[in-house]
Amino acid sequence: MNKSKIEWTEMSWNPTTGCDKVSTGCKFCYAETMARRLKAMGAEKYRNGFKLTLHEDVLDEPYRWKKPRIVFVNSMSDLFHKDIPVEFLQRVFKVMNENPQHVFQILTKRADILADYDKRNLVNWTHNIWMGVTVENSDFLQRIELLRQTKARVKFLSCEPLLGPLYNINLKKIDWVIVGGESGRKPRPMQAEWVVDIKEQCARNGTAFFFKQWGGINKKKSGRLLEGRIYDDMPEILQL
């Protein structure tokens, strides 16, 4: 089992690895850094570094998990990358459809491809599949609208790294919002007022709010406290 250090999930499952940068949030991609490190360590799965790679050998893993899990799908890639064959994507969805005891969380920056596949009914949204889009600043608010148009049962936003304010977000049909600052050697700053504003928008809309981290060079030291408390709400739909 690939246990995850990401606060809002329990483990990761990577039917594909590797990706390409598509927006400002990708600049200091943690997955790219990790993939290069794993390749240098001789990890077979990352022999191609961060080049998009399909891993058919892991497709059957969820069938073997004995206890229900919350699973981040493709923490090291983007399931809606344009170069992933639709047939392979459908095989991934089939696995998720056939394992309703697990919650599968998918996150993409390619909301246009997501919306297109959904419109053409190429994917089957069972109740245990959560679909999210990354919204790092106001330049990418259109991703929310594209997500909202899909038939995904649970919809969420990841505002990480949050690189600017997101005022007056349309949170209709959005079940969950995750906010986090950038970490690493040269993190771009996140302002506290941006985070508080999003938290208050979620409260007014009845949307679950999860504050992941302040980030920074030393993210552990910066911690997760916001206004003196930890916010780690999850969608009520978590109960399957």
Protein backbone atom coordinates (compact mmCIF):
# COMPACT_ATOMS: atom_id res chain seq x y z
CA MET A 1 0.00 0.00 0.00
CA ASN A 2 1.31 3.45 -0.93
CA LYS A 3 0.40 5.50 2.16
CA SER A 4 0.21 9.21 1.51
CA LYS A 5 1.53 12.17 3.50
CA ILE A 6 -1.12 14.35 1.89
CA GLU A 7 -3.43 15.43 4.70
CA TRP A 8 -6.74 15.02 2.87
CA THR A 9 -6.30 11.44 1.71
CA GLU A 10 -5.06 8.10 3.03
CA MET A 11 -3.11 6.64 0.15
CA SER A 12 -2.25 7.14 -3.50
CA TRP A 13 -2.74 4.93 -6.53
CA ASN A 14 -0.89 5.82 -9.73
CA PRO A 15 -2.08 4.03 -12.88
CA THR A 16 -0.06 6.66 -14.74
CA THR A 17 2.97 8.75 -13.83
CA GLY A 18 4.45 11.81 -15.47
CA CYS A 19 2.91 14.98 -16.79
CA ASP A 20 3.50 18.34 -18.53
CA LYS A 21 3.15 21.87 -17.18
CA VAL A 22 -0.07 23.61 -18.21
CA SER A 23 -0.43 26.60 -15.85
CA THR A 24 1.29 28.73 -13.22
CA GLY A 25 0.54 26.29 -10.43
CA CYS A 26 2.78 23.74 -12.15
CA LYS A 27 5.96 25.83 -11.89
CA PHE A 28 7.41 24.01 -8.88
CA CYS A 29 5.66 20.66 -9.33
CA TYR A 30 6.33 18.38 -6.36
CA ALA A 31 5.57 15.28 -8.45
CA GLU A 32 8.20 16.18 -11.03
CA THR A 33 10.83 16.64 -8.32
CA MET A 34 9.87 13.36 -6.67
CA ALA A 35 9.84 11.45 -9.98
CA ARG A 36 13.36 12.61 -10.81
CA ARG A 37 14.54 11.62 -7.35
CA LEU A 38 12.97 8.18 -7.63
CA LYS A 39 14.51 7.66 -11.06
CA ALA A 40 17.94 8.54 -9.65
CA MET A 41 17.34 5.99 -6.88
CA GLY A 42 16.68 3.31 -9.49
CA ALA A 43 12.92 2.93 -8.94
CA GLU A 44 11.67 0.88 -11.90
CA LYS A 45 8.30 2.62 -12.01
CA TYR A 46 10.08 5.93 -12.63
CA ARG A 47 12.60 4.74 -15.19
CA ASN A 48 11.13 7.36 -17.56
CA GLY A 49 11.41 10.12 -15.00
CA PHE A 50 8.50 12.51 -15.38
CA LYS A 51 7.62 11.46 -18.91
CA LEU A 52 4.01 10.28 -19.13
CA THR A 53 3.96 6.50 -18.54
CA LEU A 54 1.05 4.06 -18.26
CA HIS A 55 1.21 1.34 -15.59
CA GLU A 56 -1.18 -1.46 -16.47
CA ASP A 57 0.36 -3.65 -13.78
CA VAL A 58 -1.23 -1.60 -10.98
CA LEU A 59 -4.78 -1.53 -12.33
CA ASP A 60 -5.87 -4.53 -10.25
CA GLU A 61 -4.49 -3.23 -6.93
CA PRO A 62 -7.78 -1.81 -5.54
CA TYR A 63 -9.39 -5.26 -5.78
CA ARG A 64 -6.87 -6.53 -3.24
CA TRP A 65 -7.30 -3.86 -0.56
CA LYS A 66 -9.09 -5.52 2.34
CA LYS A 67 -10.38 -2.39 4.11
CA PRO A 68 -12.17 0.66 2.63
CA ARG A 69 -9.71 3.41 1.72
CA ILE A 70 -9.71 7.05 0.68
CA VAL A 71 -7.48 7.04 -2.38
CA PHE A 72 -5.88 9.90 -4.32
CA VAL A 73 -5.76 8.73 -7.94
CA ASN A 74 -2.67 9.82 -9.87
CA SER A 75 -0.87 11.90 -7.28
CA MET A 76 2.10 11.69 -9.69
CA SER A 77 0.25 12.53 -12.91
CA ASP A 78 -3.03 13.87 -14.34
CA LEU A 79 -5.63 11.29 -15.31
CA PHE A 80 -7.04 13.66 -17.94
CA HIS A 81 -3.73 14.29 -19.71
CA LYS A 82 -4.40 14.55 -23.44
CA ASP A 83 -1.95 11.74 -24.24
CA ILE A 84 -3.60 9.14 -22.02
CA PRO A 85 -5.69 6.94 -24.35
CA VAL A 86 -9.40 7.12 -23.64
CA GLU A 87 -9.48 3.32 -23.48
CA PHE A 88 -6.95 3.30 -20.65
CA LEU A 89 -8.83 6.04 -18.79
CA GLN A 90 -11.99 3.95 -19.06
CA ARG A 91 -10.18 0.94 -17.63
CA VAL A 92 -9.17 3.05 -14.62
CA PHE A 93 -12.78 4.16 -14.19
CA LYS A 94 -13.98 0.56 -14.48
CA VAL A 95 -11.74 -0.39 -11.55
CA MET A 96 -13.14 2.47 -9.48
CA ASN A 97 -16.71 1.58 -10.48
CA GLU A 98 -16.18 -2.03 -9.39
CA ASN A 99 -14.73 -1.07 -5.98
CA PRO A 100 -17.50 1.01 -4.38
CA GLN A 101 -16.11 0.36 -0.90
CA HIS A 102 -13.27 2.81 -1.61
CA VAL A 103 -13.43 6.57 -2.19
CA PHE A 104 -11.36 7.63 -5.21
CA GLN A 105 -10.27 11.27 -5.42
CA ILE A 106 -9.22 12.59 -8.84
CA LEU A 107 -7.68 16.03 -9.37
CA THR A 108 -7.00 17.67 -12.73
CA LYS A 109 -5.89 20.97 -14.23
CA ARG A 110 -7.25 19.83 -17.60
CA ALA A 111 -10.88 20.67 -16.94
CA ASP A 112 -11.55 21.13 -20.67
CA ILE A 113 -10.71 17.48 -21.37
CA LEU A 114 -12.67 16.40 -18.30
CA ALA A 115 -15.75 18.28 -19.48
CA ASP A 116 -15.42 16.92 -23.01
CA TYR A 117 -15.17 13.29 -21.86
CA ASP A 118 -18.11 13.79 -19.51
CA LYS A 119 -20.26 15.37 -22.22
CA ARG A 120 -19.58 12.41 -24.49
CA ASN A 121 -20.40 9.97 -21.66
CA LEU A 122 -16.97 8.36 -21.85
CA VAL A 123 -16.74 7.98 -18.07
CA ASN A 124 -19.08 6.43 -15.50
CA TRP A 125 -19.49 8.48 -12.32
CA THR A 126 -20.32 6.06 -9.53
CA HIS A 127 -20.97 7.56 -6.09
CA ASN A 128 -17.46 6.77 -4.79
CA ILE A 129 -15.58 8.91 -7.33
CA TRP A 130 -14.78 12.46 -6.25
CA MET A 131 -13.72 14.83 -9.04
CA GLY A 132 -11.71 17.98 -8.41
CA VAL A 133 -9.97 20.76 -10.31
CA THR A 134 -7.01 22.90 -9.30
CA VAL A 135 -7.68 26.64 -9.09
CA GLU A 136 -4.47 28.42 -8.15
CA ASN A 137 -5.61 31.98 -8.94
CA SER A 138 -8.41 33.90 -10.62
CA ASP A 139 -7.05 33.17 -14.10
CA PHE A 140 -8.42 29.63 -13.82
CA LEU A 141 -11.90 30.14 -12.42
CA GLN A 142 -13.30 28.70 -15.64
CA ARG A 143 -12.17 25.28 -14.46
CA ILE A 144 -14.84 25.45 -11.77
CA GLU A 145 -17.59 26.00 -14.32
CA LEU A 146 -16.35 23.10 -16.43
CA LEU A 147 -16.29 20.87 -13.34
CA ARG A 148 -19.79 21.97 -12.35
CA GLN A 149 -21.11 20.87 -15.73
CA THR A 150 -19.98 17.28 -15.19
CA LYS A 151 -22.07 14.46 -13.77
CA ALA A 152 -19.53 13.68 -11.01
CA ARG A 153 -21.40 12.97 -7.77
CA VAL A 154 -18.87 14.79 -5.55
CA LYS A 155 -17.06 17.88 -6.82
CA PHE A 156 -14.17 19.67 -5.14
CA LEU A 157 -11.57 22.40 -5.64
CA SER A 158 -7.89 22.33 -4.74
CA CYS A 159 -6.66 25.89 -4.32
CA GLU A 160 -3.06 24.79 -3.87
CA PRO A 161 -0.71 26.40 -4.37
CA LEU A 162 -2.95 29.42 -3.76
CA LEU A 163 -1.18 32.18 -5.70
CA GLY A 164 -3.75 34.95 -5.50
CA PRO A 165 -7.15 35.91 -4.08
CA LEU A 166 -10.29 34.11 -5.25
CA TYR A 167 -13.10 36.53 -4.53
CA ASN A 168 -16.76 35.71 -5.13
CA ILE A 169 -16.27 32.08 -6.21
CA ASN A 170 -19.39 30.42 -7.55
CA LEU A 171 -19.55 27.44 -5.20
CA LYS A 172 -22.87 26.09 -6.43
CA LYS A 173 -22.69 22.27 -6.53
CA ILE A 174 -19.14 22.35 -5.08
CA ASP A 175 -18.93 20.02 -2.08
CA TRP A 176 -15.41 20.65 -0.81
CA VAL A 177 -12.59 23.22 -1.05
CA ILE A 178 -8.97 22.52 -0.12
CA VAL A 179 -6.58 25.45 0.35
CA GLY A 180 -2.81 25.32 0.76
CA GLY A 181 0.31 27.41 0.30
CA GLU A 182 3.26 26.47 -1.86
CA SER A 183 6.25 24.73 -0.29
CA GLY A 184 9.79 24.06 -1.48
CA ARG A 185 13.00 26.03 -1.89
CA LYS A 186 11.45 29.06 -3.61
CA PRO A 187 7.78 29.09 -2.60
CA ARG A 188 5.58 31.88 -3.87
CA PRO A 189 3.84 33.65 -0.96
CA MET A 190 0.24 33.14 0.10
CA GLN A 191 -1.60 35.88 2.00
CA ALA A 192 -3.65 34.99 5.08
CA GLU A 193 -6.54 37.19 3.93
CA TRP A 194 -6.90 35.10 0.75
CA VAL A 195 -7.34 31.97 2.85
CA VAL A 196 -9.78 33.55 5.33
CA ASP A 197 -11.89 34.92 2.48
CA ILE A 198 -12.22 31.47 0.89
CA LYS A 199 -13.06 29.94 4.28
CA GLU A 200 -15.84 32.49 4.78
CA GLN A 201 -17.20 31.88 1.27
CA CYS A 202 -17.37 28.15 2.04
CA ALA A 203 -19.17 28.82 5.33
CA ARG A 204 -21.81 30.94 3.58
CA ASN A 205 -22.34 28.28 0.93
CA GLY A 206 -22.29 25.26 3.26
CA THR A 207 -19.21 23.88 1.49
CA ALA A 208 -16.71 21.77 3.47
CA PHE A 209 -13.41 23.63 3.96
CA PHE A 210 -10.01 21.99 4.43
CA PHE A 211 -6.89 24.05 5.17
CA LYS A 212 -3.93 21.88 4.21
CA GLN A 213 -0.87 24.02 4.99
CA TRP A 214 0.75 27.45 5.00
CA GLY A 215 3.67 26.01 3.04
CA GLY A 216 6.94 27.89 2.80
CA ILE A 217 10.48 26.62 2.93
CA ASN A 218 9.74 24.72 6.15
CA LYS A 219 6.10 23.65 5.81
CA LYS A 220 6.16 21.56 8.98
CA LYS A 221 7.19 24.60 11.01
CA SER A 222 4.58 26.78 9.30
CA GLY A 223 1.92 24.22 10.19
CA ARG A 224 -1.82 24.10 9.49
CA LEU A 225 -3.35 26.43 12.05
CA LEU A 226 -5.69 29.07 10.66
CA GLU A 227 -6.97 31.64 13.13
CA GLY A 228 -5.88 29.35 15.95
CA ARG A 229 -7.52 26.14 14.80
CA ILE A 230 -7.26 23.32 12.27
CA TYR A 231 -9.83 23.13 9.50
CA ASP A 232 -10.10 19.61 8.14
CA ASP A 233 -13.74 19.26 7.09
CA MET A 234 -14.65 16.58 4.56
CA PRO A 235 -17.82 16.29 2.47
CA GLU A 236 -20.67 14.65 4.36
CA ILE A 237 -21.06 12.41 1.33
CA LEU A 238 -17.98 10.57 2.59
CA GLN A 239 -20.34 8.14 4.30
CA LEU A 240 -20.92 5.56 1.54
